[in-house]
Structure formats: C-alpha cells, structure tokens
Amino acid sequence: MSDPSDNELGNEEEDETKANNLADPEIVTKYRLAGDIATKTLAKLCEMIVPGKSPLEISEAGDAMINEACAAVYSKSKLEKGVAFPTCVSVNNCVGHFCPLKDEDGPPLAPGDIVKLDLGVHIDAYATQVAFTLVVPNADGSAPTMANLKAMDVIKAAHDASELMQRMFKVGAKGSEMSAMVEAVATSYGVSAVQGVLSHQSKKHVIDGNRCVNNKPTVEHKVDEVTFEANDVFSFDVVLSTGEGKSNEQSARTTIFKRAVDQTYKLKMKTSRAFFSEVNKRFSTFPFTLRALADSRAAKMGVVECVNHELMESYPVLYEKPGEVVAHFKFTAMLLPTSIVRATEGPALQAFVTSEKKVEDEALATLLATEIVKKKKKEKKPKAAE
C-alpha cells in the first residue's frame, strides 16, 4: 500500500503540470492577454517620458492603467488579476526598483535623462513582464545633449542583446549560451553586463522560478545550467551599464516586497499583523508596492518586523556609480508545442538612439539580422464569466 503523503505529493505535481501546460489554449490566452495589457501600458507610459514629469506620477499612472485594463476582462469572474510587478521608473544610474511613495518622489525628468520603465501584469496568476529604456527628449521632442557619451551605446547594446535572447529561446538551447551572448554584445559596445540580474522561469503564481539565466556570471553569482524545454515561459532580463556593472543600495527606500509563502512567524506588533493580513488578502504571491496599501505610513512600520523575520522578500533600489548610465530591456516569451510566442514587447527605439558600434561576433550579427515572422493572432475575446 502506498504512503498517503506520496499520493498527495503526486497529486500536487499533477495539478502543477496541468496548471502550466501551454497545450491548454485557455492558459495561453491568459498569458497573451496579460502580455497585451503590459505592452499597451508600456506604450502609454513611454509617451509620458517628457521633461517635468516625475517618477511618482509615471509609476502611479502605470499601476492605474494596469488595474483599469484588468478590470475590463473576465469582469464577471472572480479570477485574480492585476499588477504582477509594480511600475518602476529608474533614472540614469539607478539600476532598478525605484517605485516611490507619495512623499519620497525623485527629481522631475530632464532632457538627456535615461529612463527605465519596468512593470508586470497577471491574469489568473499567469504573469508577464516588460521593461524598456528611453531618453528624455527636449521639450520639442528633439534629441537632447547627452552628459554621458556612452549612453546611446549602452541602450543600443542592451536592446540588441534582448533581441538576440528572443532568437535564441528555443527547445534545447542553454542559458549559459545566452549569458555568453550578453557578454559578447556588451564587449562589442564597450559596456558592462550588470551583476546579480537573473532571467526567471514563470509559472502560475510564480514570477521568479528557480530555473534562471544569469545576466553576468561571476564567482559570487552562479546559477545551475538551464536547458529550455517545451512549455517553458521565461521573462528575459538584459541590464547593461556604462560603468563596471556593480550595483549597491543607497538612500532610496525599498518599497517593493513579496510574500515569502514558505515562512511563518507569529508577529508581535499590531501594526505588523494588520499589514501582513492586508498583504495576504490583496497581493498573494506577487510583488507589491507599499504605496498600494490602504495606509502606506503604517505599512512602512509594519513591513519592518515582517522582513526581519523573513515573512517578506524585498526588492531594494539599486544604483551604479554616479555619472554612469544603465539600460534595461525585458520581455516574456512562451515555448508553445508548435511555436515560440513573445507575450510582451516595447516600442521601437527612439530615432535618435543610434551608435557607431555594433555586434562584432559574426554569428551573433547574422542571428540578429534574422527577421522574426510574427503569426497573426486570432482575435479571441476573453469569457465574461467562468
């Protein structure tokens, strides 16, 4: 007779496999829908990257757009949906995760600033992510004068590496091949890959799976080899810098957290218990910003005890050295049984983002020049109720 615990484990594994089987068209539809919302939100936010706009204003607008768009789909269903990663607006040498509270905004954008937009959307806990880098133009839309002459190089390099990742994502390909490609592209452009950045597998309820690809392998930052398989969903991150590619925390407050679902602790403070209860009810397994809590001031206090006892994972705001510039591109893609689908993407690079440098490796240059044929999607409206 089998051990009941073995049966339970088998059922859990079977349920997980079923919940992540891309042969199920409904699952693919939810990923596509989340991706469409993310892509359209990004496009609207790009229009807000003008002199005078503040990171807070853009971040709040992004989350509001996502929530509004998600509310309009599966509207009669109780499906969980909404922000899978809060809208971040990281400027110049800020590597990422800048999502300010109302009283802690960053400086208004100025011509020549390099802005990285980063956000995520989920439908029924199937999450997609997207990130894009652009330059704040002059007030008339023209190309600004750049303080860092390598800024255009790093944006173009990161974009090329991101495009190559899409072309390399196929059954049997290895994560280490992607890591080597990022390093080769960075070298061609005279910039550096940022350490500590990982591209993660996604599953239902999971935005940062254990299978991942390293942006910059080092002795301190190693991951197990990944061989891509059918049914894989990955969010690919490319982050490059004009500096050494090393980041650290500074004075900016960490505002993005995620529930560590495998940890338990009996919280002592009333404020912490109230905060933890609200997080469990509203944000389940995905990252959230303290700004989204009912009382962000109380949340700033309540989160401390939760982090100290490992009930929350944090996403600190990271920076390169002052004067350096960081570029970031991200997209989510799926390996379907019969095709490869990119669920999210940014707009074209701004016309004035050009570089005299290019990918020097002949094989990579040839692959980059390969046109990706996009299959025309069948317009399928989501069900109003389930």
Protein backbone atom coordinates (compact mmCIF):
# COMPACT_ATOMS: atom_id res chain seq x y z
CA MET A 1 0.00 0.00 0.00
CA SER A 2 1.38 3.45 -0.93
CA ASP A 3 2.02 6.15 1.64
CA PRO A 4 -0.84 8.75 1.58
CA SER A 5 1.76 11.51 1.63
CA ASP A 6 3.23 10.10 -1.62
CA ASN A 7 -0.21 10.26 -3.23
CA GLU A 8 -0.70 13.84 -2.08
CA LEU A 9 2.68 14.83 -3.50
CA GLY A 10 1.86 13.14 -6.78
CA ASN A 11 -1.46 14.96 -7.00
CA GLU A 12 0.23 18.30 -6.31
CA GLU A 13 2.78 17.67 -9.07
CA GLU A 14 0.00 16.60 -11.45
CA ASP A 15 -2.02 19.72 -10.63
CA GLU A 16 1.02 21.96 -11.17
CA THR A 17 1.77 20.33 -14.51
CA LYS A 18 -1.83 20.80 -15.62
CA ALA A 19 -1.87 24.44 -14.47
CA ASN A 20 1.23 25.21 -16.57
CA ASN A 21 0.51 23.18 -19.69
CA LEU A 22 0.69 25.53 -22.67
CA ALA A 23 -1.18 22.98 -24.75
CA ASP A 24 -4.24 24.34 -22.94
CA PRO A 25 -5.41 27.28 -25.10
CA GLU A 26 -7.08 28.99 -22.13
CA ILE A 27 -3.73 29.28 -20.33
CA VAL A 28 -2.09 30.71 -23.44
CA THR A 29 -4.96 33.16 -23.81
CA LYS A 30 -4.41 34.43 -20.26
CA TYR A 31 -0.68 34.89 -20.86
CA ARG A 32 -1.39 36.68 -24.14
CA LEU A 33 -4.00 38.91 -22.54
CA ALA A 34 -1.69 39.83 -19.66
CA GLY A 35 1.04 40.49 -22.21
CA ASP A 36 -1.16 42.73 -24.33
CA ILE A 37 -2.08 44.81 -21.28
CA ALA A 38 1.57 45.10 -20.25
CA THR A 39 2.67 46.08 -23.77
CA LYS A 40 -0.07 48.69 -24.18
CA THR A 41 0.58 50.14 -20.72
CA LEU A 42 4.28 50.47 -21.53
CA ALA A 43 3.50 52.25 -24.79
CA LYS A 44 1.31 54.79 -22.97
CA LEU A 45 3.96 55.35 -20.30
CA CYS A 46 6.60 55.99 -22.96
CA GLU A 47 4.51 58.95 -24.10
CA MET A 48 4.82 60.39 -20.58
CA ILE A 49 8.63 60.46 -20.68
CA VAL A 50 8.98 64.19 -21.20
CA PRO A 51 10.71 66.99 -19.27
CA GLY A 52 8.99 67.86 -15.99
CA LYS A 53 7.22 64.56 -15.35
CA SER A 54 8.03 62.91 -12.03
CA PRO A 55 8.81 59.22 -11.40
CA LEU A 56 5.90 59.05 -8.93
CA GLU A 57 3.42 60.42 -11.45
CA ILE A 58 4.52 57.87 -14.07
CA SER A 59 4.62 54.96 -11.61
CA GLU A 60 1.13 55.69 -10.28
CA ALA A 61 -0.20 56.06 -13.82
CA GLY A 62 1.24 52.68 -14.84
CA ASP A 63 -0.34 50.77 -11.97
CA ALA A 64 -3.66 52.55 -12.51
CA MET A 65 -3.65 51.67 -16.22
CA ILE A 66 -2.95 48.02 -15.44
CA ASN A 67 -5.71 47.77 -12.86
CA GLU A 68 -8.21 49.51 -15.13
CA ALA A 69 -7.40 47.26 -18.10
CA CYS A 70 -7.53 44.11 -15.97
CA ALA A 71 -10.90 45.11 -14.50
CA ALA A 72 -12.35 45.12 -18.01
CA VAL A 73 -11.53 41.44 -18.72
CA TYR A 74 -13.15 38.41 -17.11
CA SER A 75 -15.28 41.06 -15.45
CA LYS A 76 -17.91 38.64 -14.17
CA SER A 77 -15.36 36.17 -12.89
CA LYS A 78 -13.53 36.02 -9.57
CA LEU A 79 -10.20 35.44 -11.30
CA GLU A 80 -7.23 37.01 -9.57
CA LYS A 81 -5.73 39.68 -11.88
CA GLY A 82 -3.84 42.95 -11.83
CA VAL A 83 -0.32 44.18 -11.15
CA ALA A 84 2.27 41.38 -11.15
CA PHE A 85 5.14 43.80 -10.61
CA PRO A 86 4.67 47.47 -9.66
CA THR A 87 5.59 50.08 -12.26
CA CYS A 88 9.17 51.21 -11.65
CA VAL A 89 10.75 54.35 -13.08
CA SER A 90 14.52 54.14 -12.63
CA VAL A 91 16.58 57.06 -13.92
CA ASN A 92 20.20 57.27 -15.12
CA ASN A 93 22.49 55.30 -12.76
CA CYS A 94 19.56 53.73 -10.89
CA VAL A 95 19.62 50.06 -11.89
CA GLY A 96 16.02 49.35 -10.95
CA HIS A 97 13.11 49.01 -8.49
CA PHE A 98 12.52 52.75 -7.99
CA CYS A 99 8.82 52.90 -7.13
CA PRO A 100 8.48 55.90 -4.79
CA LEU A 101 5.96 56.61 -2.08
CA LYS A 102 3.94 59.82 -2.35
CA ASP A 103 6.24 61.80 -0.07
CA GLU A 104 9.50 60.36 -1.46
CA ASP A 105 9.41 61.22 -5.16
CA GLY A 106 12.53 61.56 -7.29
CA PRO A 107 13.56 64.71 -9.22
CA PRO A 108 11.47 65.70 -12.26
CA LEU A 109 12.73 64.28 -15.54
CA ALA A 110 15.12 66.47 -17.52
CA PRO A 111 16.29 66.32 -21.16
CA GLY A 112 19.01 63.71 -21.54
CA ASP A 113 17.90 61.56 -18.59
CA ILE A 114 17.90 57.82 -19.27
CA VAL A 115 14.64 56.29 -18.03
CA LYS A 116 13.98 52.59 -17.47
CA LEU A 117 10.32 51.54 -17.26
CA ASP A 118 9.58 48.14 -15.72
CA LEU A 119 6.19 46.54 -14.96
CA GLY A 120 4.25 43.28 -14.80
CA VAL A 121 0.66 42.12 -15.34
CA HIS A 122 -1.10 38.88 -14.46
CA ILE A 123 -4.41 37.29 -15.38
CA ASP A 124 -5.46 34.39 -13.15
CA ALA A 125 -1.89 34.40 -11.71
CA TYR A 126 -0.29 33.94 -15.16
CA ALA A 127 2.23 36.79 -15.20
CA THR A 128 4.05 38.65 -17.96
CA GLN A 129 6.65 41.39 -17.61
CA VAL A 130 8.18 44.07 -19.78
CA ALA A 131 10.92 46.70 -19.43
CA PHE A 132 12.15 49.37 -21.82
CA THR A 133 14.74 52.15 -21.82
CA LEU A 134 14.40 55.54 -23.45
CA VAL A 135 15.91 59.01 -23.37
CA VAL A 136 14.02 62.09 -22.17
CA PRO A 137 13.93 64.33 -25.26
CA ASN A 138 13.96 68.11 -25.37
CA ALA A 139 10.61 69.82 -24.87
CA ASP A 140 10.12 69.94 -28.65
CA GLY A 141 10.83 66.21 -28.99
CA SER A 142 14.30 66.65 -30.47
CA ALA A 143 17.44 64.79 -29.41
CA PRO A 144 18.93 66.17 -26.17
CA THR A 145 22.57 66.76 -25.36
CA MET A 146 23.90 63.71 -23.51
CA ALA A 147 26.04 64.06 -20.38
CA ASN A 148 27.35 60.51 -20.78
CA LEU A 149 28.64 59.95 -24.33
CA LYS A 150 28.29 56.17 -23.94
CA ALA A 151 24.56 56.41 -23.12
CA MET A 152 23.43 55.61 -26.66
CA ASP A 153 25.90 52.73 -26.85
CA VAL A 154 24.56 51.06 -23.71
CA ILE A 155 20.91 51.42 -24.78
CA LYS A 156 21.62 50.01 -28.24
CA ALA A 157 23.72 47.18 -26.77
CA ALA A 158 21.03 46.16 -24.27
CA HIS A 159 18.37 46.26 -26.98
CA ASP A 160 20.46 44.10 -29.32
CA ALA A 161 21.11 41.56 -26.56
CA SER A 162 17.40 41.42 -25.75
CA GLU A 163 16.52 40.82 -29.40
CA LEU A 164 19.13 38.05 -29.57
CA MET A 165 17.64 36.39 -26.50
CA GLN A 166 14.33 36.08 -28.32
CA ARG A 167 16.05 34.45 -31.28
CA MET A 168 17.99 32.06 -29.03
CA PHE A 169 14.97 30.95 -26.98
CA LYS A 170 14.17 27.51 -28.36
CA VAL A 171 13.90 23.91 -27.18
CA GLY A 172 17.34 22.53 -26.39
CA ALA A 173 19.11 25.90 -26.10
CA LYS A 174 21.04 26.59 -22.90
CA GLY A 175 21.02 29.52 -20.53
CA SER A 176 24.81 29.70 -20.49
CA GLU A 177 24.73 30.39 -24.23
CA MET A 178 22.57 33.44 -23.55
CA SER A 179 24.90 34.62 -20.79
CA ALA A 180 27.88 34.33 -23.14
CA MET A 181 25.96 36.24 -25.81
CA VAL A 182 25.20 39.13 -23.41
CA GLU A 183 28.89 39.37 -22.51
CA ALA A 184 29.90 39.34 -26.20
CA VAL A 185 27.42 42.08 -27.09
CA ALA A 186 28.48 44.21 -24.11
CA THR A 187 32.13 43.87 -25.14
CA SER A 188 31.32 44.92 -28.71
CA TYR A 189 29.76 48.14 -27.45
CA GLY A 190 32.35 48.82 -24.75
CA VAL A 191 29.89 48.48 -21.86
CA SER A 192 29.37 46.01 -18.99
CA ALA A 193 26.68 43.50 -18.04
CA VAL A 194 25.29 44.22 -14.57
CA GLN A 195 25.91 41.56 -11.95
CA GLY A 196 23.14 39.96 -9.91
CA VAL A 197 20.46 40.17 -12.63
CA LEU A 198 18.57 36.95 -13.44
CA SER A 199 16.03 35.97 -16.09
CA HIS A 200 13.48 33.67 -14.44
CA GLN A 201 11.08 30.97 -15.49
CA SER A 202 7.45 31.88 -14.83
CA LYS A 203 4.64 29.59 -13.74
CA LYS A 204 1.17 30.14 -12.39
CA HIS A 205 1.59 32.17 -9.16
CA VAL A 206 5.39 32.24 -9.67
CA ILE A 207 7.16 35.27 -11.14
CA ASP A 208 10.70 34.22 -10.26
CA GLY A 209 11.07 30.46 -10.67
CA ASN A 210 14.19 28.55 -9.70
CA ARG A 211 15.28 27.92 -13.29
CA CYS A 212 17.07 31.07 -14.43
CA VAL A 213 19.61 32.64 -16.78
CA ASN A 214 22.46 34.78 -15.47
CA ASN A 215 22.96 38.25 -16.95
CA LYS A 216 26.60 38.25 -15.74
CA PRO A 217 28.05 35.01 -14.31
CA THR A 218 30.65 35.62 -11.59
CA VAL A 219 32.10 33.65 -8.70
CA GLU A 220 29.53 35.30 -6.40
CA HIS A 221 26.64 34.98 -8.85
CA LYS A 222 26.28 31.45 -10.19
CA VAL A 223 23.18 29.54 -11.30
CA ASP A 224 22.54 25.98 -12.42
CA GLU A 225 22.53 25.37 -16.15
CA VAL A 226 19.15 25.68 -17.85
CA THR A 227 18.13 23.77 -20.96
CA PHE A 228 14.93 25.18 -22.41
CA GLU A 229 12.00 22.82 -22.85
CA ALA A 230 8.58 22.86 -24.47
CA ASN A 231 6.02 24.59 -22.21
CA ASP A 232 8.65 26.92 -20.75
CA VAL A 233 7.66 30.52 -20.00
CA PHE A 234 10.54 32.88 -19.23
CA SER A 235 10.86 36.60 -18.58
CA PHE A 236 14.21 37.61 -20.04
CA ASP A 237 16.12 40.48 -18.42
CA VAL A 238 19.05 42.31 -20.00
CA VAL A 239 20.70 45.03 -17.90
CA LEU A 240 23.88 46.76 -19.11
CA SER A 241 25.90 49.66 -17.72
CA THR A 242 28.46 52.19 -18.91
CA GLY A 243 30.27 51.50 -15.63
CA GLU A 244 31.66 48.32 -14.07
CA GLY A 245 28.28 46.60 -13.78
CA LYS A 246 28.31 46.54 -9.98
CA SER A 247 25.32 47.88 -8.06
CA ASN A 248 24.57 48.71 -4.44
CA GLU A 249 21.87 50.17 -2.24
CA GLN A 250 21.90 53.86 -1.38
CA SER A 251 19.47 56.09 0.47
CA ALA A 252 16.31 55.35 -1.55
CA ARG A 253 13.71 53.44 0.46
CA THR A 254 12.84 49.89 -0.56
CA THR A 255 9.13 49.94 -1.36
CA ILE A 256 8.59 46.67 -3.27
CA PHE A 257 8.10 43.41 -1.39
CA LYS A 258 6.77 39.91 -1.96
CA ARG A 259 5.23 37.45 0.49
CA ALA A 260 7.59 34.57 1.36
CA VAL A 261 4.87 31.92 1.30
CA ASP A 262 7.03 29.19 2.83
CA GLN A 263 7.80 31.18 6.00
CA THR A 264 5.76 31.53 9.19
CA TYR A 265 6.16 33.66 12.30
CA LYS A 266 3.82 35.00 14.98
CA LEU A 267 4.11 38.75 14.63
CA LYS A 268 4.23 40.76 17.85
CA MET A 269 3.23 44.26 16.72
CA LYS A 270 -0.39 45.13 15.97
CA THR A 271 0.71 47.30 13.03
CA SER A 272 2.71 44.39 11.58
CA ARG A 273 -0.23 41.99 11.92
CA ALA A 274 -2.59 44.41 10.18
CA PHE A 275 -0.08 44.94 7.38
CA PHE A 276 0.51 41.21 6.95
CA SER A 277 -3.22 40.48 6.89
CA GLU A 278 -3.84 43.06 4.16
CA VAL A 279 -0.96 41.71 2.06
CA ASN A 280 -2.30 38.15 2.29
CA LYS A 281 -5.77 39.26 1.24
CA ARG A 282 -4.74 41.53 -1.64
CA PHE A 283 -1.39 40.50 -3.09
CA SER A 284 -0.96 36.74 -2.53
CA THR A 285 2.19 35.63 -4.35
CA PHE A 286 3.17 38.65 -6.47
CA PRO A 287 5.36 41.66 -5.61
CA PHE A 288 3.57 44.80 -4.45
CA THR A 289 4.45 48.36 -3.54
CA LEU A 290 3.85 49.83 -0.09
CA ARG A 291 2.13 52.68 -1.91
CA ALA A 292 -0.73 50.31 -2.78
CA LEU A 293 -1.56 49.59 0.86
CA ALA A 294 -4.54 51.32 2.45
CA ASP A 295 -2.23 53.22 4.81
CA SER A 296 1.28 53.49 3.38
CA ARG A 297 2.59 55.20 6.53
CA ALA A 298 1.51 52.27 8.68
CA ALA A 299 2.83 49.89 6.05
CA LYS A 300 6.31 51.43 6.35
CA MET A 301 6.28 50.41 10.02
CA GLY A 302 4.52 47.06 9.63
CA VAL A 303 6.80 45.73 6.94
CA VAL A 304 9.91 46.03 9.14
CA GLU A 305 9.02 43.20 11.52
CA CYS A 306 7.86 41.06 8.57
CA VAL A 307 11.19 41.49 6.79
CA ASN A 308 13.20 40.94 9.97
CA HIS A 309 11.52 37.56 10.39
CA GLU A 310 11.69 36.64 6.68
CA LEU A 311 7.96 36.82 6.01
CA MET A 312 8.65 39.25 3.16
CA GLU A 313 11.24 39.30 0.41
CA SER A 314 12.44 42.76 -0.59
CA TYR A 315 13.39 44.31 -3.92
CA PRO A 316 15.87 47.03 -2.96
CA VAL A 317 16.53 50.08 -5.12
CA LEU A 318 19.99 49.57 -6.63
CA TYR A 319 22.44 52.04 -8.15
CA GLU A 320 25.58 52.09 -10.27
CA LYS A 321 28.25 54.73 -9.59
CA PRO A 322 27.14 58.37 -10.09
CA GLY A 323 27.63 59.54 -13.66
CA GLU A 324 27.15 56.08 -15.13
CA VAL A 325 24.09 55.07 -17.15
CA VAL A 326 22.16 51.79 -17.01
CA ALA A 327 19.88 50.35 -19.73
CA HIS A 328 17.26 47.65 -19.14
CA PHE A 329 15.09 45.60 -21.50
CA LYS A 330 12.76 42.74 -20.54
CA PHE A 331 10.16 40.58 -22.26
CA THR A 332 8.16 37.42 -21.56
CA ALA A 333 8.11 34.57 -24.08
CA MET A 334 6.48 31.14 -24.29
CA LEU A 335 7.68 27.92 -25.89
CA LEU A 336 4.39 26.54 -27.17
CA PRO A 337 4.16 23.00 -28.56
CA THR A 338 4.25 24.29 -32.15
CA SER A 339 5.66 27.83 -31.94
CA ILE A 340 7.53 30.46 -29.92
CA VAL A 341 5.43 33.41 -28.77
CA ARG A 342 6.70 36.71 -27.39
CA ALA A 343 3.99 37.88 -25.00
CA THR A 344 5.36 41.37 -24.29
CA GLU A 345 7.49 43.88 -26.15
CA GLY A 346 8.42 47.52 -26.15
CA PRO A 347 8.10 50.04 -28.96
CA ALA A 348 10.87 50.76 -31.45
CA LEU A 349 13.90 52.60 -30.12
CA GLN A 350 13.75 56.37 -30.44
CA ALA A 351 15.06 57.55 -33.81
CA PHE A 352 17.99 59.41 -32.24
CA VAL A 353 19.16 56.38 -30.22
CA THR A 354 21.97 55.29 -32.51
CA SER A 355 25.54 54.05 -32.12
CA GLU A 356 28.60 53.82 -34.33
CA LYS A 357 29.31 50.47 -32.68
CA LYS A 358 27.67 47.15 -33.49
CA VAL A 359 27.70 43.46 -32.60
CA GLU A 360 31.09 42.24 -33.75
CA ASP A 361 30.64 38.48 -33.43
CA GLU A 362 29.76 37.31 -36.95
CA ALA A 363 27.39 34.53 -35.90
CA LEU A 364 25.52 36.80 -33.48
CA ALA A 365 25.34 39.61 -36.05
CA THR A 366 23.82 37.19 -38.57
CA LEU A 367 21.32 35.92 -36.00
CA LEU A 368 20.39 39.49 -35.01
CA ALA A 369 19.67 40.31 -38.66
CA THR A 370 17.26 37.36 -38.89
CA GLU A 371 13.70 38.57 -39.24
CA ILE A 372 11.19 37.14 -36.79
CA VAL A 373 7.97 36.26 -38.53
CA LYS A 374 5.02 37.01 -36.30
CA LYS A 375 1.99 34.81 -36.61
CA LYS A 376 -1.24 36.74 -36.85
CA LYS A 377 -3.22 36.15 -33.70
CA LYS A 378 -6.82 35.12 -33.87
CA GLU A 379 -8.85 37.71 -32.08
CA LYS A 380 -10.39 35.85 -29.18
CA LYS A 381 -12.33 37.77 -26.60
CA PRO A 382 -11.99 36.52 -23.04
CA LYS A 383 -15.02 35.00 -21.45
CA ALA A 384 -17.14 37.34 -19.39
CA ALA A 385 -17.60 34.68 -16.74
CA GLU A 386 -16.19 31.31 -15.82
